[in-house]
Amino acid sequence: MSAIKRAAVVGLGGQAHKDHLPGLAECRLADLVAVCDVDSGQVGATAETWQVPGYTDLPEMLDAVRPNFVIAAVPHHAGREIVEACAGAGVHVMKEKPFATDPHEAAELAALCEKTGIELMVTVQRRFHPVYAAALQLLEQIGSPYLVEGRYTFHCPDPAAGWRGRAKLAGGGCLADMGYHLIDLLIWYLGLPDRVLADTSAAAAPGAFYDAEDTALVHLAYDSGLYGSLLVSRSAGPKSERLTVTGPYGAVVVERGAVRRLAPDGQVVDSLVREPAWPCAAATQIDHFCHVLDGTAPNPSGPAAHLPHTAFLAAAYASQSTTRPADPKEFLA
């Protein structure tokens, strides 16, 4: 049996406490050995809770603890610095989405990982959830898709707050942040579109200054004839998450805790419900990453696999600024 991997969590915001720290507690192949954040108060409280050393300086932590890998859950603009520091120390990285803030950064990070030999996995946990894997199988039963409709929304009381309200720091707004999961499903199931036409707005909080969109609508089309749209909003409730793919023999509807295959008339002919709706996919992903490090499993979410995601985002934002369709493939680094 492989040796247990030593893992450190860098960035102690909500995502770390909701997913990554519990995931490390539940997984079988890695142990938490340190935490790190620029906020000393957060470091102290988290280190005490999990009974591990805490650091406010990443190079110091890497040198003192020598983890096998780091889980990086930091603001988007800080991700590059974390990856560079880990690559310089020969430490592998699980990185919170997005992979990069633009195609240029994505290409440089991919090259850095290849040059230094580190593995990097982007944390798109839906790929490690049984409902979403089942959807991929059910899609084979509906024929060649001709329509795709995605929706991911919730209500954030203050969309202007923090770094997420600044497009330069976040690399975009809701589309680049929460929308990344919807984009990942789209590319996983159907591939990169040939054309996108996007509209965005930052109008949910009148009087507040923020330029990272709170709502985005992206129309998309494939040369095969498949077309559709994605609606993403972090200001419009109620909370919803759904992707529907329709073909001549029915449709597949995947949601957070369930997937259904529908007949052409809308009747349910097959379904899978997972209780609880959101098991610890983070733990499954961490264990899979440990197998990747051992060389016993492929990396399904490495840098090369996420260059299309960055290209999709770049095309959407280019389309929004020009009010014309854009081809994501032209933005592939």
C-alpha atoms as a PDB file:
ATOM      1  CA  MET A   1       0.000   0.000   0.000  1.00  0.00           C
ATOM      2  CA  SER A   2       1.250   3.501  -0.834  1.00  0.00           C
ATOM      3  CA  ALA A   3       2.560   5.751   1.914  1.00  0.00           C
ATOM      4  CA  ILE A   4       0.118   8.314   3.272  1.00  0.00           C
ATOM      5  CA  LYS A   5       0.715  11.693   1.619  1.00  0.00           C
ATOM      6  CA  ARG A   6       1.437  14.841   3.607  1.00  0.00           C
ATOM      7  CA  ALA A   7      -0.931  17.672   2.677  1.00  0.00           C
ATOM      8  CA  ALA A   8      -1.084  21.354   3.591  1.00  0.00           C
ATOM      9  CA  VAL A   9      -3.947  23.780   3.005  1.00  0.00           C
ATOM     10  CA  VAL A  10      -3.051  27.280   1.809  1.00  0.00           C
ATOM     11  CA  GLY A  11      -5.856  29.812   2.046  1.00  0.00           C
ATOM     12  CA  LEU A  12      -8.290  29.434   4.935  1.00  0.00           C
ATOM     13  CA  GLY A  13     -11.450  31.037   3.617  1.00  0.00           C
ATOM     14  CA  GLY A  14     -14.868  29.468   3.257  1.00  0.00           C
ATOM     15  CA  GLN A  15     -13.887  26.926   0.626  1.00  0.00           C
ATOM     16  CA  ALA A  16     -11.121  25.480   2.794  1.00  0.00           C
ATOM     17  CA  HIS A  17     -13.416  25.091   5.789  1.00  0.00           C
ATOM     18  CA  LYS A  18     -16.371  23.789   3.777  1.00  0.00           C
ATOM     19  CA  ASP A  19     -14.585  21.335   1.476  1.00  0.00           C
ATOM     20  CA  HIS A  20     -10.851  20.843   1.791  1.00  0.00           C
ATOM     21  CA  LEU A  21     -10.271  20.498   5.524  1.00  0.00           C
ATOM     22  CA  PRO A  22     -13.246  18.115   5.954  1.00  0.00           C
ATOM     23  CA  GLY A  23     -12.121  16.312   2.802  1.00  0.00           C
ATOM     24  CA  LEU A  24      -8.673  15.688   4.269  1.00  0.00           C
ATOM     25  CA  ALA A  25     -10.277  14.433   7.485  1.00  0.00           C
ATOM     26  CA  GLU A  26     -12.416  11.961   5.538  1.00  0.00           C
ATOM     27  CA  CYS A  27      -9.994  10.802   2.831  1.00  0.00           C
ATOM     28  CA  ARG A  28      -7.899   7.632   3.215  1.00  0.00           C
ATOM     29  CA  LEU A  29      -4.622   8.517   1.514  1.00  0.00           C
ATOM     30  CA  ALA A  30      -3.544  11.914   2.889  1.00  0.00           C
ATOM     31  CA  ASP A  31      -3.073  13.606   6.262  1.00  0.00           C
ATOM     32  CA  LEU A  32      -3.235  17.316   7.030  1.00  0.00           C
ATOM     33  CA  VAL A  33       0.172  18.460   8.289  1.00  0.00           C
ATOM     34  CA  ALA A  34      -0.061  22.285   8.163  1.00  0.00           C
ATOM     35  CA  VAL A  35      -2.218  25.283   7.293  1.00  0.00           C
ATOM     36  CA  CYS A  36      -1.201  28.661   5.894  1.00  0.00           C
ATOM     37  CA  ASP A  37      -2.860  32.033   5.341  1.00  0.00           C
ATOM     38  CA  VAL A  38      -1.889  35.700   5.408  1.00  0.00           C
ATOM     39  CA  ASP A  39      -4.452  36.244   8.199  1.00  0.00           C
ATOM     40  CA  SER A  40      -2.654  35.313  11.415  1.00  0.00           C
ATOM     41  CA  GLY A  41      -5.900  35.149  13.374  1.00  0.00           C
ATOM     42  CA  GLN A  42      -7.395  32.691  10.933  1.00  0.00           C
ATOM     43  CA  VAL A  43      -4.199  30.667  10.982  1.00  0.00           C
ATOM     44  CA  GLY A  44      -4.167  30.448  14.771  1.00  0.00           C
ATOM     45  CA  ALA A  45      -7.801  29.390  15.063  1.00  0.00           C
ATOM     46  CA  THR A  46      -7.595  26.826  12.270  1.00  0.00           C
ATOM     47  CA  ALA A  47      -4.300  25.378  13.464  1.00  0.00           C
ATOM     48  CA  GLU A  48      -5.753  24.927  16.938  1.00  0.00           C
ATOM     49  CA  THR A  49      -8.941  23.309  15.606  1.00  0.00           C
ATOM     50  CA  TRP A  50      -7.069  20.801  13.449  1.00  0.00           C
ATOM     51  CA  GLN A  51      -4.059  20.399  15.738  1.00  0.00           C
ATOM     52  CA  VAL A  52      -1.414  21.164  13.101  1.00  0.00           C
ATOM     53  CA  PRO A  53       1.249  23.879  12.735  1.00  0.00           C
ATOM     54  CA  GLY A  54       0.083  27.171  11.233  1.00  0.00           C
ATOM     55  CA  TYR A  55       2.053  29.605   9.071  1.00  0.00           C
ATOM     56  CA  THR A  56       1.585  33.011   7.505  1.00  0.00           C
ATOM     57  CA  ASP A  57       4.561  32.598   5.144  1.00  0.00           C
ATOM     58  CA  LEU A  58       4.270  29.985   2.382  1.00  0.00           C
ATOM     59  CA  PRO A  59       7.996  29.444   1.640  1.00  0.00           C
ATOM     60  CA  GLU A  60       8.628  29.016   5.379  1.00  0.00           C
ATOM     61  CA  MET A  61       5.877  26.406   5.577  1.00  0.00           C
ATOM     62  CA  LEU A  62       7.112  24.510   2.520  1.00  0.00           C
ATOM     63  CA  ASP A  63      10.632  24.402   3.958  1.00  0.00           C
ATOM     64  CA  ALA A  64       9.605  23.453   7.494  1.00  0.00           C
ATOM     65  CA  VAL A  65       6.867  20.925   6.777  1.00  0.00           C
ATOM     66  CA  ARG A  66       7.832  19.578   3.332  1.00  0.00           C
ATOM     67  CA  PRO A  67       4.351  18.457   2.282  1.00  0.00           C
ATOM     68  CA  ASN A  68       3.849  16.154  -0.679  1.00  0.00           C
ATOM     69  CA  PHE A  69       1.144  18.474  -1.953  1.00  0.00           C
ATOM     70  CA  VAL A  70      -0.655  21.707  -1.187  1.00  0.00           C
ATOM     71  CA  ILE A  71      -4.344  22.436  -1.559  1.00  0.00           C
ATOM     72  CA  ALA A  72      -4.479  26.055  -2.710  1.00  0.00           C
ATOM     73  CA  ALA A  73      -7.778  27.806  -1.945  1.00  0.00           C
ATOM     74  CA  VAL A  74      -6.777  31.440  -2.374  1.00  0.00           C
ATOM     75  CA  PRO A  75      -8.276  34.440  -4.214  1.00  0.00           C
ATOM     76  CA  HIS A  76      -7.954  34.045  -7.969  1.00  0.00           C
ATOM     77  CA  HIS A  77      -5.260  36.676  -8.414  1.00  0.00           C
ATOM     78  CA  ALA A  78      -3.043  34.981  -5.812  1.00  0.00           C
ATOM     79  CA  GLY A  79      -3.162  31.526  -7.364  1.00  0.00           C
ATOM     80  CA  ARG A  80      -0.207  32.015  -9.675  1.00  0.00           C
ATOM     81  CA  GLU A  81       2.119  32.988  -6.831  1.00  0.00           C
ATOM     82  CA  ILE A  82       1.158  29.870  -4.878  1.00  0.00           C
ATOM     83  CA  VAL A  83       1.732  27.551  -7.845  1.00  0.00           C
ATOM     84  CA  GLU A  84       5.105  29.162  -8.585  1.00  0.00           C
ATOM     85  CA  ALA A  85       6.277  28.803  -4.977  1.00  0.00           C
ATOM     86  CA  CYS A  86       5.185  25.163  -4.832  1.00  0.00           C
ATOM     87  CA  ALA A  87       6.744  24.358  -8.202  1.00  0.00           C
ATOM     88  CA  GLY A  88      10.021  25.867  -7.036  1.00  0.00           C
ATOM     89  CA  ALA A  89       9.949  23.566  -4.008  1.00  0.00           C
ATOM     90  CA  GLY A  90       8.892  20.496  -5.980  1.00  0.00           C
ATOM     91  CA  VAL A  91       5.518  20.356  -4.204  1.00  0.00           C
ATOM     92  CA  HIS A  92       2.425  19.218  -6.103  1.00  0.00           C
ATOM     93  CA  VAL A  93      -0.745  21.326  -6.098  1.00  0.00           C
ATOM     94  CA  MET A  94      -4.488  20.840  -5.912  1.00  0.00           C
ATOM     95  CA  LYS A  95      -5.803  24.241  -6.959  1.00  0.00           C
ATOM     96  CA  GLU A  96      -9.238  25.719  -6.434  1.00  0.00           C
ATOM     97  CA  LYS A  97     -10.855  26.803  -9.682  1.00  0.00           C
ATOM     98  CA  PRO A  98     -10.273  28.656 -11.898  1.00  0.00           C
ATOM     99  CA  PHE A  99      -7.033  27.234 -13.233  1.00  0.00           C
ATOM    100  CA  ALA A 100      -5.906  30.713 -14.315  1.00  0.00           C
ATOM    101  CA  THR A 101      -7.251  34.241 -14.731  1.00  0.00           C
ATOM    102  CA  ASP A 102      -6.574  34.452 -18.499  1.00  0.00           C
ATOM    103  CA  PRO A 103      -5.159  32.327 -21.367  1.00  0.00           C
ATOM    104  CA  HIS A 104      -1.675  33.825 -21.067  1.00  0.00           C
ATOM    105  CA  GLU A 105      -1.407  32.922 -17.396  1.00  0.00           C
ATOM    106  CA  ALA A 106      -2.850  29.483 -18.129  1.00  0.00           C
ATOM    107  CA  ALA A 107      -0.193  28.777 -20.753  1.00  0.00           C
ATOM    108  CA  GLU A 108       2.616  29.906 -18.454  1.00  0.00           C
ATOM    109  CA  LEU A 109       1.368  27.843 -15.524  1.00  0.00           C
ATOM    110  CA  ALA A 110       0.962  24.771 -17.728  1.00  0.00           C
ATOM    111  CA  ALA A 111       4.514  25.208 -18.995  1.00  0.00           C
ATOM    112  CA  LEU A 112       5.820  25.696 -15.449  1.00  0.00           C
ATOM    113  CA  CYS A 113       4.177  22.485 -14.240  1.00  0.00           C
ATOM    114  CA  GLU A 114       5.612  20.554 -17.162  1.00  0.00           C
ATOM    115  CA  LYS A 115       9.087  22.043 -16.684  1.00  0.00           C
ATOM    116  CA  THR A 116       9.253  21.353 -12.941  1.00  0.00           C
ATOM    117  CA  GLY A 117       7.496  17.995 -13.111  1.00  0.00           C
ATOM    118  CA  ILE A 118       4.827  18.814 -10.549  1.00  0.00           C
ATOM    119  CA  GLU A 119       1.273  17.548 -10.842  1.00  0.00           C
ATOM    120  CA  LEU A 120      -1.502  20.116 -10.655  1.00  0.00           C
ATOM    121  CA  MET A 121      -5.177  19.194 -10.354  1.00  0.00           C
ATOM    122  CA  VAL A 122      -7.946  21.781 -10.523  1.00  0.00           C
ATOM    123  CA  THR A 123     -10.608  21.101  -7.881  1.00  0.00           C
ATOM    124  CA  VAL A 124     -13.759  20.573  -9.923  1.00  0.00           C
ATOM    125  CA  GLN A 125     -15.392  18.191  -7.460  1.00  0.00           C
ATOM    126  CA  ARG A 126     -18.380  17.366  -9.654  1.00  0.00           C
ATOM    127  CA  ARG A 127     -16.135  15.110 -11.698  1.00  0.00           C
ATOM    128  CA  PHE A 128     -15.785  12.969  -8.580  1.00  0.00           C
ATOM    129  CA  HIS A 129     -19.492  12.854  -7.723  1.00  0.00           C
ATOM    130  CA  PRO A 130     -21.458   9.764  -8.839  1.00  0.00           C
ATOM    131  CA  VAL A 131     -24.441  11.769 -10.109  1.00  0.00           C
ATOM    132  CA  TYR A 132     -22.363  13.702 -12.633  1.00  0.00           C
ATOM    133  CA  ALA A 133     -20.491  10.598 -13.782  1.00  0.00           C
ATOM    134  CA  ALA A 134     -23.835   8.839 -14.313  1.00  0.00           C
ATOM    135  CA  ALA A 135     -25.032  11.741 -16.456  1.00  0.00           C
ATOM    136  CA  LEU A 136     -22.125  11.153 -18.821  1.00  0.00           C
ATOM    137  CA  GLN A 137     -23.297   7.566 -19.346  1.00  0.00           C
ATOM    138  CA  LEU A 138     -26.947   8.532 -19.789  1.00  0.00           C
ATOM    139  CA  LEU A 139     -26.056  11.039 -22.503  1.00  0.00           C
ATOM    140  CA  GLU A 140     -25.185   8.115 -24.763  1.00  0.00           C
ATOM    141  CA  GLN A 141     -28.882   7.132 -24.810  1.00  0.00           C
ATOM    142  CA  ILE A 142     -30.427  10.354 -26.119  1.00  0.00           C
ATOM    143  CA  GLY A 143     -28.750  10.529 -29.542  1.00  0.00           C
ATOM    144  CA  SER A 144     -26.770  13.481 -30.904  1.00  0.00           C
ATOM    145  CA  PRO A 145     -27.627  16.471 -28.687  1.00  0.00           C
ATOM    146  CA  TYR A 146     -29.144  19.541 -30.298  1.00  0.00           C
ATOM    147  CA  LEU A 147     -29.943  21.681 -27.227  1.00  0.00           C
ATOM    148  CA  VAL A 148     -28.143  22.417 -23.955  1.00  0.00           C
ATOM    149  CA  GLU A 149     -29.470  24.652 -21.171  1.00  0.00           C
ATOM    150  CA  GLY A 150     -27.520  25.438 -18.009  1.00  0.00           C
ATOM    151  CA  ARG A 151     -28.477  27.487 -14.971  1.00  0.00           C
ATOM    152  CA  TYR A 152     -26.519  28.182 -11.789  1.00  0.00           C
ATOM    153  CA  THR A 153     -27.861  30.912  -9.520  1.00  0.00           C
ATOM    154  CA  PHE A 154     -27.993  32.008  -5.902  1.00  0.00           C
ATOM    155  CA  HIS A 155     -28.440  35.249  -3.994  1.00  0.00           C
ATOM    156  CA  CYS A 156     -25.352  36.929  -2.541  1.00  0.00           C
ATOM    157  CA  PRO A 157     -26.403  39.834  -0.280  1.00  0.00           C
ATOM    158  CA  ASP A 158     -23.446  41.983  -1.356  1.00  0.00           C
ATOM    159  CA  PRO A 159     -22.005  41.149  -4.808  1.00  0.00           C
ATOM    160  CA  ALA A 160     -19.658  44.129  -4.522  1.00  0.00           C
ATOM    161  CA  ALA A 161     -17.857  42.837  -1.440  1.00  0.00           C
ATOM    162  CA  GLY A 162     -14.199  41.836  -1.391  1.00  0.00           C
ATOM    163  CA  TRP A 163     -11.954  40.732  -4.210  1.00  0.00           C
ATOM    164  CA  ARG A 164     -14.815  38.947  -5.978  1.00  0.00           C
ATOM    165  CA  GLY A 165     -16.281  42.339  -6.847  1.00  0.00           C
ATOM    166  CA  ARG A 166     -13.134  43.412  -8.742  1.00  0.00           C
ATOM    167  CA  ALA A 167     -12.729  41.935 -12.206  1.00  0.00           C
ATOM    168  CA  LYS A 168      -8.968  42.512 -12.244  1.00  0.00           C
ATOM    169  CA  LEU A 169      -8.467  40.490  -9.070  1.00  0.00           C
ATOM    170  CA  ALA A 170     -11.012  37.776  -9.836  1.00  0.00           C
ATOM    171  CA  GLY A 171     -10.293  37.410 -13.555  1.00  0.00           C
ATOM    172  CA  GLY A 172     -13.995  38.091 -14.106  1.00  0.00           C
ATOM    173  CA  GLY A 173     -17.169  37.822 -12.090  1.00  0.00           C
ATOM    174  CA  CYS A 174     -19.707  35.084 -11.512  1.00  0.00           C
ATOM    175  CA  LEU A 175     -18.937  33.429 -14.849  1.00  0.00           C
ATOM    176  CA  ALA A 176     -15.269  32.887 -13.932  1.00  0.00           C
ATOM    177  CA  ASP A 177     -16.062  31.956 -10.331  1.00  0.00           C
ATOM    178  CA  MET A 178     -19.158  29.828  -9.685  1.00  0.00           C
ATOM    179  CA  GLY A 179     -19.818  29.550 -13.421  1.00  0.00           C
ATOM    180  CA  TYR A 180     -16.551  27.659 -13.826  1.00  0.00           C
ATOM    181  CA  HIS A 181     -18.290  24.501 -12.580  1.00  0.00           C
ATOM    182  CA  LEU A 182     -21.012  24.816 -15.231  1.00  0.00           C
ATOM    183  CA  ILE A 183     -18.392  25.448 -17.911  1.00  0.00           C
ATOM    184  CA  ASP A 184     -16.482  22.369 -16.743  1.00  0.00           C
ATOM    185  CA  LEU A 185     -19.599  20.198 -17.097  1.00  0.00           C
ATOM    186  CA  LEU A 186     -20.292  21.636 -20.545  1.00  0.00           C
ATOM    187  CA  ILE A 187     -16.765  20.903 -21.789  1.00  0.00           C
ATOM    188  CA  TRP A 188     -16.659  17.486 -20.080  1.00  0.00           C
ATOM    189  CA  TYR A 189     -19.943  16.351 -21.613  1.00  0.00           C
ATOM    190  CA  LEU A 190     -20.012  18.159 -24.949  1.00  0.00           C
ATOM    191  CA  GLY A 191     -16.608  19.705 -25.711  1.00  0.00           C
ATOM    192  CA  LEU A 192     -15.603  23.308 -26.344  1.00  0.00           C
ATOM    193  CA  PRO A 193     -18.216  25.334 -28.280  1.00  0.00           C
ATOM    194  CA  ASP A 194     -17.364  26.865 -31.642  1.00  0.00           C
ATOM    195  CA  ARG A 195     -19.096  30.175 -30.923  1.00  0.00           C
ATOM    196  CA  VAL A 196     -20.212  32.087 -27.838  1.00  0.00           C
ATOM    197  CA  LEU A 197     -22.187  35.300 -27.495  1.00  0.00           C
ATOM    198  CA  ALA A 198     -22.212  36.733 -23.984  1.00  0.00           C
ATOM    199  CA  ASP A 199     -23.940  39.497 -22.069  1.00  0.00           C
ATOM    200  CA  THR A 200     -23.082  40.413 -18.497  1.00  0.00           C
ATOM    201  CA  SER A 201     -24.246  42.919 -15.918  1.00  0.00           C
ATOM    202  CA  ALA A 202     -23.206  44.321 -12.555  1.00  0.00           C
ATOM    203  CA  ALA A 203     -26.465  45.975 -11.606  1.00  0.00           C
ATOM    204  CA  ALA A 204     -27.808  44.029  -8.643  1.00  0.00           C
ATOM    205  CA  ALA A 205     -26.517  46.486  -6.042  1.00  0.00           C
ATOM    206  CA  PRO A 206     -27.374  50.047  -7.150  1.00  0.00           C
ATOM    207  CA  GLY A 207     -24.929  52.599  -5.835  1.00  0.00           C
ATOM    208  CA  ALA A 208     -22.210  50.061  -5.032  1.00  0.00           C
ATOM    209  CA  PHE A 209     -18.977  50.074  -6.997  1.00  0.00           C
ATOM    210  CA  TYR A 210     -17.995  46.762  -8.538  1.00  0.00           C
ATOM    211  CA  ASP A 211     -17.094  45.722 -12.064  1.00  0.00           C
ATOM    212  CA  ALA A 212     -17.085  41.927 -11.763  1.00  0.00           C
ATOM    213  CA  GLU A 213     -20.390  40.781 -13.226  1.00  0.00           C
ATOM    214  CA  ASP A 214     -23.031  39.421 -10.881  1.00  0.00           C
ATOM    215  CA  THR A 215     -25.039  37.957 -13.778  1.00  0.00           C
ATOM    216  CA  ALA A 216     -24.038  36.479 -17.135  1.00  0.00           C
ATOM    217  CA  LEU A 217     -25.955  34.926 -20.017  1.00  0.00           C
ATOM    218  CA  VAL A 218     -23.884  33.052 -22.581  1.00  0.00           C
ATOM    219  CA  HIS A 219     -25.385  31.769 -25.818  1.00  0.00           C
ATOM    220  CA  LEU A 220     -23.290  29.031 -27.379  1.00  0.00           C
ATOM    221  CA  ALA A 221     -23.228  26.993 -30.566  1.00  0.00           C
ATOM    222  CA  TYR A 222     -21.360  24.056 -32.056  1.00  0.00           C
ATOM    223  CA  ASP A 223     -20.730  23.407 -35.729  1.00  0.00           C
ATOM    224  CA  SER A 224     -22.565  20.087 -35.228  1.00  0.00           C
ATOM    225  CA  GLY A 225     -25.839  21.987 -34.817  1.00  0.00           C
ATOM    226  CA  LEU A 226     -25.934  21.826 -31.026  1.00  0.00           C
ATOM    227  CA  TYR A 227     -26.770  25.162 -29.434  1.00  0.00           C
ATOM    228  CA  GLY A 228     -28.013  26.553 -26.140  1.00  0.00           C
ATOM    229  CA  SER A 229     -27.212  28.873 -23.256  1.00  0.00           C
ATOM    230  CA  LEU A 230     -25.801  29.169 -19.767  1.00  0.00           C
ATOM    231  CA  LEU A 231     -27.279  31.536 -17.181  1.00  0.00           C
ATOM    232  CA  VAL A 232     -25.087  32.274 -14.170  1.00  0.00           C
ATOM    233  CA  SER A 233     -25.926  34.712 -11.382  1.00  0.00           C
ATOM    234  CA  ARG A 234     -24.737  35.323  -7.849  1.00  0.00           C
ATOM    235  CA  SER A 235     -27.453  37.882  -7.220  1.00  0.00           C
ATOM    236  CA  ALA A 236     -30.663  36.252  -8.495  1.00  0.00           C
ATOM    237  CA  GLY A 237     -32.319  33.760  -6.176  1.00  0.00           C
ATOM    238  CA  PRO A 238     -33.546  31.167  -5.576  1.00  0.00           C
ATOM    239  CA  LYS A 239     -30.542  28.880  -5.489  1.00  0.00           C
ATOM    240  CA  SER A 240     -30.545  26.606  -8.518  1.00  0.00           C
ATOM    241  CA  GLU A 241     -28.072  24.385 -10.325  1.00  0.00           C
ATOM    242  CA  ARG A 242     -29.108  22.442 -13.396  1.00  0.00           C
ATOM    243  CA  LEU A 243     -27.795  21.346 -16.780  1.00  0.00           C
ATOM    244  CA  THR A 244     -30.167  19.862 -19.353  1.00  0.00           C
ATOM    245  CA  VAL A 245     -28.984  18.250 -22.590  1.00  0.00           C
ATOM    246  CA  THR A 246     -31.639  17.324 -25.162  1.00  0.00           C
ATOM    247  CA  GLY A 247     -31.361  14.969 -28.111  1.00  0.00           C
ATOM    248  CA  PRO A 248     -33.788  13.234 -30.497  1.00  0.00           C
ATOM    249  CA  TYR A 249     -34.410  10.379 -28.048  1.00  0.00           C
ATOM    250  CA  GLY A 250     -34.921  12.400 -24.916  1.00  0.00           C
ATOM    251  CA  ALA A 251     -33.036  14.551 -22.432  1.00  0.00           C
ATOM    252  CA  VAL A 252     -30.654  14.234 -19.507  1.00  0.00           C
ATOM    253  CA  VAL A 253     -31.178  16.603 -16.568  1.00  0.00           C
ATOM    254  CA  VAL A 254     -28.407  16.736 -13.976  1.00  0.00           C
ATOM    255  CA  GLU A 255     -28.763  18.626 -10.699  1.00  0.00           C
ATOM    256  CA  ARG A 256     -26.755  18.779  -7.500  1.00  0.00           C
ATOM    257  CA  GLY A 257     -28.142  15.567  -6.022  1.00  0.00           C
ATOM    258  CA  ALA A 258     -29.933  13.833  -8.872  1.00  0.00           C
ATOM    259  CA  VAL A 259     -29.798  12.952 -12.552  1.00  0.00           C
ATOM    260  CA  ARG A 260     -32.802  12.021 -14.689  1.00  0.00           C
ATOM    261  CA  ARG A 261     -33.197  10.720 -18.233  1.00  0.00           C
ATOM    262  CA  LEU A 262     -36.422  11.889 -19.837  1.00  0.00           C
ATOM    263  CA  ALA A 263     -38.337  10.532 -22.797  1.00  0.00           C
ATOM    264  CA  PRO A 264     -39.007  13.015 -25.631  1.00  0.00           C
ATOM    265  CA  ASP A 265     -42.403  13.797 -24.062  1.00  0.00           C
ATOM    266  CA  GLY A 266     -40.756  14.653 -20.721  1.00  0.00           C
ATOM    267  CA  GLN A 267     -41.629  11.487 -18.817  1.00  0.00           C
ATOM    268  CA  VAL A 268     -38.903  10.207 -16.476  1.00  0.00           C
ATOM    269  CA  VAL A 269     -37.522   6.883 -17.730  1.00  0.00           C
ATOM    270  CA  ASP A 270     -34.382   6.640 -15.583  1.00  0.00           C
ATOM    271  CA  SER A 271     -33.063   8.405 -12.498  1.00  0.00           C
ATOM    272  CA  LEU A 272     -30.368   8.351  -9.859  1.00  0.00           C
ATOM    273  CA  VAL A 273     -30.693  10.222  -6.568  1.00  0.00           C
ATOM    274  CA  ARG A 274     -27.791  10.482  -4.148  1.00  0.00           C
ATOM    275  CA  GLU A 275     -28.481  10.988  -0.442  1.00  0.00           C
ATOM    276  CA  PRO A 276     -27.089  13.087   1.016  1.00  0.00           C
ATOM    277  CA  ALA A 277     -27.228  15.298  -2.056  1.00  0.00           C
ATOM    278  CA  TRP A 278     -23.600  16.358  -1.682  1.00  0.00           C
ATOM    279  CA  PRO A 279     -21.366  13.635  -0.212  1.00  0.00           C
ATOM    280  CA  CYS A 280     -17.732  14.511   0.353  1.00  0.00           C
ATOM    281  CA  ALA A 281     -16.601  14.583  -3.261  1.00  0.00           C
ATOM    282  CA  ALA A 282     -13.619  16.560  -1.970  1.00  0.00           C
ATOM    283  CA  ALA A 283     -12.335  13.469  -0.136  1.00  0.00           C
ATOM    284  CA  THR A 284     -12.726  11.342  -3.258  1.00  0.00           C
ATOM    285  CA  GLN A 285     -10.806  13.897  -5.288  1.00  0.00           C
ATOM    286  CA  ILE A 286      -7.988  14.068  -2.731  1.00  0.00           C
ATOM    287  CA  ASP A 287      -7.620  10.281  -2.745  1.00  0.00           C
ATOM    288  CA  HIS A 288      -7.601  10.280  -6.541  1.00  0.00           C
ATOM    289  CA  PHE A 289      -4.881  12.945  -6.548  1.00  0.00           C
ATOM    290  CA  CYS A 290      -2.804  10.722  -4.258  1.00  0.00           C
ATOM    291  CA  HIS A 291      -3.150   7.927  -6.821  1.00  0.00           C
ATOM    292  CA  VAL A 292      -2.034  10.404  -9.495  1.00  0.00           C
ATOM    293  CA  LEU A 293       1.075  11.179  -7.447  1.00  0.00           C
ATOM    294  CA  ASP A 294       1.752   7.444  -7.129  1.00  0.00           C
ATOM    295  CA  GLY A 295       1.434   7.021 -10.878  1.00  0.00           C
ATOM    296  CA  THR A 296      -1.499   4.627 -10.522  1.00  0.00           C
ATOM    297  CA  ALA A 297      -4.224   6.919 -11.927  1.00  0.00           C
ATOM    298  CA  PRO A 298      -4.442   9.582 -14.657  1.00  0.00           C
ATOM    299  CA  ASN A 299      -4.968  13.235 -13.857  1.00  0.00           C
ATOM    300  CA  PRO A 300      -8.362  14.109 -15.380  1.00  0.00           C
ATOM    301  CA  SER A 301      -8.176  17.746 -14.347  1.00  0.00           C
ATOM    302  CA  GLY A 302      -4.632  18.837 -15.088  1.00  0.00           C
ATOM    303  CA  PRO A 303      -3.388  22.035 -16.772  1.00  0.00           C
ATOM    304  CA  ALA A 304      -3.898  20.838 -20.361  1.00  0.00           C
ATOM    305  CA  ALA A 305      -7.478  19.842 -19.601  1.00  0.00           C
ATOM    306  CA  HIS A 306      -8.256  23.355 -18.335  1.00  0.00           C
ATOM    307  CA  LEU A 307      -6.831  25.444 -21.157  1.00  0.00           C
ATOM    308  CA  PRO A 308     -10.260  25.168 -22.901  1.00  0.00           C
ATOM    309  CA  HIS A 309     -12.009  26.524 -19.805  1.00  0.00           C
ATOM    310  CA  THR A 310      -9.789  29.608 -19.831  1.00  0.00           C
ATOM    311  CA  ALA A 311     -10.371  30.017 -23.569  1.00  0.00           C
ATOM    312  CA  PHE A 312     -14.149  29.801 -23.073  1.00  0.00           C
ATOM    313  CA  LEU A 313     -14.021  32.552 -20.459  1.00  0.00           C
ATOM    314  CA  ALA A 314     -11.769  34.756 -22.582  1.00  0.00           C
ATOM    315  CA  ALA A 315     -14.102  34.353 -25.570  1.00  0.00           C
ATOM    316  CA  ALA A 316     -17.161  35.155 -23.452  1.00  0.00           C
ATOM    317  CA  TYR A 317     -15.621  38.342 -22.085  1.00  0.00           C
ATOM    318  CA  ALA A 318     -14.364  39.326 -25.553  1.00  0.00           C
ATOM    319  CA  SER A 319     -17.882  38.796 -26.915  1.00  0.00           C
ATOM    320  CA  GLN A 320     -19.370  40.900 -24.150  1.00  0.00           C
ATOM    321  CA  SER A 321     -17.021  43.782 -24.915  1.00  0.00           C
ATOM    322  CA  THR A 322     -17.525  43.667 -28.701  1.00  0.00           C
ATOM    323  CA  THR A 323     -21.205  42.568 -28.728  1.00  0.00           C
ATOM    324  CA  ARG A 324     -20.220  39.993 -31.352  1.00  0.00           C
ATOM    325  CA  PRO A 325     -19.837  36.208 -31.246  1.00  0.00           C
ATOM    326  CA  ALA A 326     -16.355  34.885 -30.447  1.00  0.00           C
ATOM    327  CA  ASP A 327     -14.676  31.532 -31.133  1.00  0.00           C
ATOM    328  CA  PRO A 328     -13.156  30.086 -27.939  1.00  0.00           C
ATOM    329  CA  LYS A 329     -10.667  28.069 -29.987  1.00  0.00           C
ATOM    330  CA  GLU A 330      -9.006  31.327 -31.049  1.00  0.00           C
ATOM    331  CA  PHE A 331      -8.142  31.915 -27.376  1.00  0.00           C
ATOM    332  CA  LEU A 332      -6.502  28.552 -26.785  1.00  0.00           C
ATOM    333  CA  ALA A 333      -2.958  29.287 -25.675  1.00  0.00           C
END
